[in-house]
Amino acid sequence: MRGRIEKIFGTWKRSYGLRRMRWRGLAKAALQVHLTAIAYNLKRGLTIIAAA
């Protein structure tokens, strides 16, 4: 379980710019993480649909 989650976080850091937060503050940092998760899931969903 942990390995799968760490792989996703690594992808976010490497490909989606989560090495550094763009905005200051907890709420804005949370927003960046949520937007990154949405982008990741949309891209993943398109990949799954294309493979089907």
PDB file of N, CA and C in Angstrom:
ATOM      1  N   MET A   1       0.830  -1.187   0.000  1.00  0.00           N
ATOM      2  CA  MET A   1       0.000   0.000   0.000  1.00  0.00           C
ATOM      3  C   MET A   1       0.878   1.257   0.000  1.00  0.00           C
ATOM      4  N   ARG A   2       1.862   1.277   0.886  1.00  0.00           N
ATOM      5  CA  ARG A   2       2.707   2.467   0.984  1.00  0.00           C
ATOM      6  C   ARG A   2       3.496   2.698  -0.302  1.00  0.00           C
ATOM      7  N   GLY A   3       3.980   1.623  -0.904  1.00  0.00           N
ATOM      8  CA  GLY A   3       4.754   1.755  -2.135  1.00  0.00           C
ATOM      9  C   GLY A   3       3.953   2.379  -3.259  1.00  0.00           C
ATOM     10  N   ARG A   4       2.686   2.016  -3.346  1.00  0.00           N
ATOM     11  CA  ARG A   4       1.820   2.582  -4.390  1.00  0.00           C
ATOM     12  C   ARG A   4       1.611   4.081  -4.171  1.00  0.00           C
ATOM     13  N   ILE A   5       1.398   4.468  -2.928  1.00  0.00           N
ATOM     14  CA  ILE A   5       1.181   5.884  -2.612  1.00  0.00           C
ATOM     15  C   ILE A   5       2.463   6.684  -2.831  1.00  0.00           C
ATOM     16  N   GLU A   6       3.593   6.128  -2.415  1.00  0.00           N
ATOM     17  CA  GLU A   6       4.871   6.821  -2.613  1.00  0.00           C
ATOM     18  C   GLU A   6       5.169   7.004  -4.099  1.00  0.00           C
ATOM     19  N   LYS A   7       4.785   6.033  -4.927  1.00  0.00           N
ATOM     20  CA  LYS A   7       4.980   6.149  -6.372  1.00  0.00           C
ATOM     21  C   LYS A   7       4.173   7.323  -6.924  1.00  0.00           C
ATOM     22  N   ILE A   8       2.944   7.475  -6.466  1.00  0.00           N
ATOM     23  CA  ILE A   8       2.091   8.580  -6.915  1.00  0.00           C
ATOM     24  C   ILE A   8       2.679   9.912  -6.466  1.00  0.00           C
ATOM     25  N   PHE A   9       3.098  10.005  -5.214  1.00  0.00           N
ATOM     26  CA  PHE A   9       3.701  11.250  -4.727  1.00  0.00           C
ATOM     27  C   PHE A   9       4.972  11.576  -5.505  1.00  0.00           C
ATOM     28  N   GLY A  10       5.757  10.560  -5.836  1.00  0.00           N
ATOM     29  CA  GLY A  10       6.956  10.775  -6.633  1.00  0.00           C
ATOM     30  C   GLY A  10       6.628  11.318  -8.013  1.00  0.00           C
ATOM     31  N   THR A  11       5.569  10.791  -8.618  1.00  0.00           N
ATOM     32  CA  THR A  11       5.127  11.295  -9.923  1.00  0.00           C
ATOM     33  C   THR A  11       4.685  12.738  -9.805  1.00  0.00           C
ATOM     34  N   TRP A  12       3.946  13.047  -8.758  1.00  0.00           N
ATOM     35  CA  TRP A  12       3.495  14.431  -8.553  1.00  0.00           C
ATOM     36  C   TRP A  12       4.696  15.359  -8.413  1.00  0.00           C
ATOM     37  N   LYS A  13       5.691  14.937  -7.647  1.00  0.00           N
ATOM     38  CA  LYS A  13       6.865  15.787  -7.439  1.00  0.00           C
ATOM     39  C   LYS A  13       7.666  15.945  -8.724  1.00  0.00           C
ATOM     40  N   ARG A  14       7.833  14.846  -9.459  1.00  0.00           N
ATOM     41  CA  ARG A  14       8.662  14.866 -10.657  1.00  0.00           C
ATOM     42  C   ARG A  14       7.962  15.547 -11.830  1.00  0.00           C
ATOM     43  N   SER A  15       6.693  15.228 -12.059  1.00  0.00           N
ATOM     44  CA  SER A  15       6.010  15.665 -13.281  1.00  0.00           C
ATOM     45  C   SER A  15       5.056  16.833 -13.099  1.00  0.00           C
ATOM     46  N   TYR A  16       4.595  17.061 -11.884  1.00  0.00           N
ATOM     47  CA  TYR A  16       3.560  18.072 -11.673  1.00  0.00           C
ATOM     48  C   TYR A  16       4.013  19.232 -10.789  1.00  0.00           C
ATOM     49  N   GLY A  17       5.288  19.316 -10.496  1.00  0.00           N
ATOM     50  CA  GLY A  17       5.832  20.485  -9.821  1.00  0.00           C
ATOM     51  C   GLY A  17       5.569  20.589  -8.330  1.00  0.00           C
ATOM     52  N   LEU A  18       5.420  19.467  -7.653  1.00  0.00           N
ATOM     53  CA  LEU A  18       5.176  19.544  -6.210  1.00  0.00           C
ATOM     54  C   LEU A  18       6.458  19.496  -5.378  1.00  0.00           C
ATOM     55  N   ARG A  19       7.587  19.706  -5.993  1.00  0.00           N
ATOM     56  CA  ARG A  19       8.821  19.813  -5.207  1.00  0.00           C
ATOM     57  C   ARG A  19       8.800  21.076  -4.362  1.00  0.00           C
ATOM     58  N   ARG A  20       8.123  22.087  -4.874  1.00  0.00           N
ATOM     59  CA  ARG A  20       8.064  23.376  -4.190  1.00  0.00           C
ATOM     60  C   ARG A  20       6.646  23.926  -4.324  1.00  0.00           C
ATOM     61  N   MET A  21       6.118  24.456  -3.240  1.00  0.00           N
ATOM     62  CA  MET A  21       4.781  25.049  -3.281  1.00  0.00           C
ATOM     63  C   MET A  21       4.829  26.405  -3.975  1.00  0.00           C
ATOM     64  N   ARG A  22       3.841  26.683  -4.782  1.00  0.00           N
ATOM     65  CA  ARG A  22       3.792  27.948  -5.510  1.00  0.00           C
ATOM     66  C   ARG A  22       3.294  29.091  -4.632  1.00  0.00           C
ATOM     67  N   TRP A  23       2.412  28.770  -3.678  1.00  0.00           N
ATOM     68  CA  TRP A  23       1.799  29.810  -2.863  1.00  0.00           C
ATOM     69  C   TRP A  23       2.108  29.576  -1.395  1.00  0.00           C
ATOM     70  N   ARG A  24       2.027  30.645  -0.607  1.00  0.00           N
ATOM     71  CA  ARG A  24       2.245  30.549   0.832  1.00  0.00           C
ATOM     72  C   ARG A  24       0.923  30.314   1.537  1.00  0.00           C
ATOM     73  N   GLY A  25       0.995  29.625   2.641  1.00  0.00           N
ATOM     74  CA  GLY A  25      -0.180  29.381   3.456  1.00  0.00           C
ATOM     75  C   GLY A  25      -0.699  27.961   3.280  1.00  0.00           C
ATOM     76  N   LEU A  26      -1.265  27.454   4.354  1.00  0.00           N
ATOM     77  CA  LEU A  26      -1.743  26.076   4.363  1.00  0.00           C
ATOM     78  C   LEU A  26      -2.899  25.866   3.390  1.00  0.00           C
ATOM     79  N   ALA A  27      -3.843  26.798   3.351  1.00  0.00           N
ATOM     80  CA  ALA A  27      -5.005  26.652   2.469  1.00  0.00           C
ATOM     81  C   ALA A  27      -4.583  26.671   1.003  1.00  0.00           C
ATOM     82  N   LYS A  28      -3.663  27.547   0.649  1.00  0.00           N
ATOM     83  CA  LYS A  28      -3.218  27.635  -0.743  1.00  0.00           C
ATOM     84  C   LYS A  28      -2.366  26.427  -1.127  1.00  0.00           C
ATOM     85  N   ALA A  29      -1.568  25.925  -0.186  1.00  0.00           N
ATOM     86  CA  ALA A  29      -0.781  24.721  -0.456  1.00  0.00           C
ATOM     87  C   ALA A  29      -1.710  23.523  -0.647  1.00  0.00           C
ATOM     88  N   ALA A  30      -2.754  23.442   0.167  1.00  0.00           N
ATOM     89  CA  ALA A  30      -3.734  22.366   0.015  1.00  0.00           C
ATOM     90  C   ALA A  30      -4.434  22.467  -1.335  1.00  0.00           C
ATOM     91  N   LEU A  31      -4.734  23.686  -1.760  1.00  0.00           N
ATOM     92  CA  LEU A  31      -5.350  23.888  -3.070  1.00  0.00           C
ATOM     93  C   LEU A  31      -4.431  23.372  -4.172  1.00  0.00           C
ATOM     94  N   GLN A  32      -3.143  23.653  -4.077  1.00  0.00           N
ATOM     95  CA  GLN A  32      -2.202  23.178  -5.085  1.00  0.00           C
ATOM     96  C   GLN A  32      -2.168  21.649  -5.119  1.00  0.00           C
ATOM     97  N   VAL A  33      -2.182  21.017  -3.965  1.00  0.00           N
ATOM     98  CA  VAL A  33      -2.171  19.552  -3.914  1.00  0.00           C
ATOM     99  C   VAL A  33      -3.454  18.995  -4.521  1.00  0.00           C
ATOM    100  N   HIS A  34      -4.588  19.603  -4.206  1.00  0.00           N
ATOM    101  CA  HIS A  34      -5.861  19.128  -4.759  1.00  0.00           C
ATOM    102  C   HIS A  34      -5.914  19.304  -6.273  1.00  0.00           C
ATOM    103  N   LEU A  35      -5.451  20.434  -6.778  1.00  0.00           N
ATOM    104  CA  LEU A  35      -5.435  20.653  -8.226  1.00  0.00           C
ATOM    105  C   LEU A  35      -4.495  19.668  -8.917  1.00  0.00           C
ATOM    106  N   THR A  36      -3.381  19.367  -8.275  1.00  0.00           N
ATOM    107  CA  THR A  36      -2.457  18.377  -8.824  1.00  0.00           C
ATOM    108  C   THR A  36      -3.108  17.002  -8.866  1.00  0.00           C
ATOM    109  N   ALA A  37      -3.834  16.646  -7.815  1.00  0.00           N
ATOM    110  CA  ALA A  37      -4.527  15.355  -7.786  1.00  0.00           C
ATOM    111  C   ALA A  37      -5.575  15.275  -8.889  1.00  0.00           C
ATOM    112  N   ILE A  38      -6.302  16.364  -9.114  1.00  0.00           N
ATOM    113  CA  ILE A  38      -7.304  16.388 -10.183  1.00  0.00           C
ATOM    114  C   ILE A  38      -6.631  16.191 -11.539  1.00  0.00           C
ATOM    115  N   ALA A  39      -5.542  16.912 -11.787  1.00  0.00           N
ATOM    116  CA  ALA A  39      -4.827  16.785 -13.064  1.00  0.00           C
ATOM    117  C   ALA A  39      -4.300  15.363 -13.253  1.00  0.00           C
ATOM    118  N   TYR A  40      -3.738  14.794 -12.207  1.00  0.00           N
ATOM    119  CA  TYR A  40      -3.212  13.429 -12.276  1.00  0.00           C
ATOM    120  C   TYR A  40      -4.321  12.435 -12.591  1.00  0.00           C
ATOM    121  N   ASN A  41      -5.456  12.566 -11.908  1.00  0.00           N
ATOM    122  CA  ASN A  41      -6.565  11.635 -12.116  1.00  0.00           C
ATOM    123  C   ASN A  41      -7.189  11.785 -13.494  1.00  0.00           C
ATOM    124  N   LEU A  42      -7.275  13.014 -14.010  1.00  0.00           N
ATOM    125  CA  LEU A  42      -7.797  13.209 -15.365  1.00  0.00           C
ATOM    126  C   LEU A  42      -6.880  12.552 -16.397  1.00  0.00           C
ATOM    127  N   LYS A  43      -5.584  12.756 -16.247  1.00  0.00           N
ATOM    128  CA  LYS A  43      -4.637  12.156 -17.184  1.00  0.00           C
ATOM    129  C   LYS A  43      -4.667  10.638 -17.082  1.00  0.00           C
ATOM    130  N   ARG A  44      -4.752  10.124 -15.874  1.00  0.00           N
ATOM    131  CA  ARG A  44      -4.815   8.679 -15.658  1.00  0.00           C
ATOM    132  C   ARG A  44      -6.094   8.102 -16.251  1.00  0.00           C
ATOM    133  N   GLY A  45      -7.212   8.820 -16.062  1.00  0.00           N
ATOM    134  CA  GLY A  45      -8.483   8.364 -16.618  1.00  0.00           C
ATOM    135  C   GLY A  45      -8.455   8.298 -18.129  1.00  0.00           C
ATOM    136  N   LEU A  46      -7.860   9.302 -18.762  1.00  0.00           N
ATOM    137  CA  LEU A  46      -7.751   9.290 -20.221  1.00  0.00           C
ATOM    138  C   LEU A  46      -6.893   8.125 -20.705  1.00  0.00           C
ATOM    139  N   THR A  47      -5.843   7.821 -19.971  1.00  0.00           N
ATOM    140  CA  THR A  47      -4.987   6.693 -20.329  1.00  0.00           C
ATOM    141  C   THR A  47      -5.754   5.377 -20.217  1.00  0.00           C
ATOM    142  N   ILE A  48      -6.555   5.235 -19.177  1.00  0.00           N
ATOM    143  CA  ILE A  48      -7.334   4.012 -18.981  1.00  0.00           C
ATOM    144  C   ILE A  48      -8.391   3.872 -20.072  1.00  0.00           C
ATOM    145  N   ILE A  49      -9.063   4.979 -20.411  1.00  0.00           N
ATOM    146  CA  ILE A  49     -10.091   4.945 -21.454  1.00  0.00           C
ATOM    147  C   ILE A  49      -9.469   4.607 -22.808  1.00  0.00           C
ATOM    148  N   ALA A  50      -8.308   5.187 -23.094  1.00  0.00           N
ATOM    149  CA  ALA A  50      -7.646   4.927 -24.376  1.00  0.00           C
ATOM    150  C   ALA A  50      -7.216   3.468 -24.502  1.00  0.00           C
ATOM    151  N   ALA A  51      -6.860   2.850 -23.395  1.00  0.00           N
ATOM    152  CA  ALA A  51      -6.419   1.459 -23.422  1.00  0.00           C
ATOM    153  C   ALA A  51      -7.588   0.487 -23.559  1.00  0.00           C
ATOM    154  N   ALA A  52      -8.776   0.932 -23.202  1.00  0.00           N
ATOM    155  CA  ALA A  52      -9.950   0.031 -23.224  1.00  0.00           C
ATOM    156  C   ALA A  52     -10.520  -0.154 -24.605  1.00  0.00           C
TER     157      ALA A  52
END
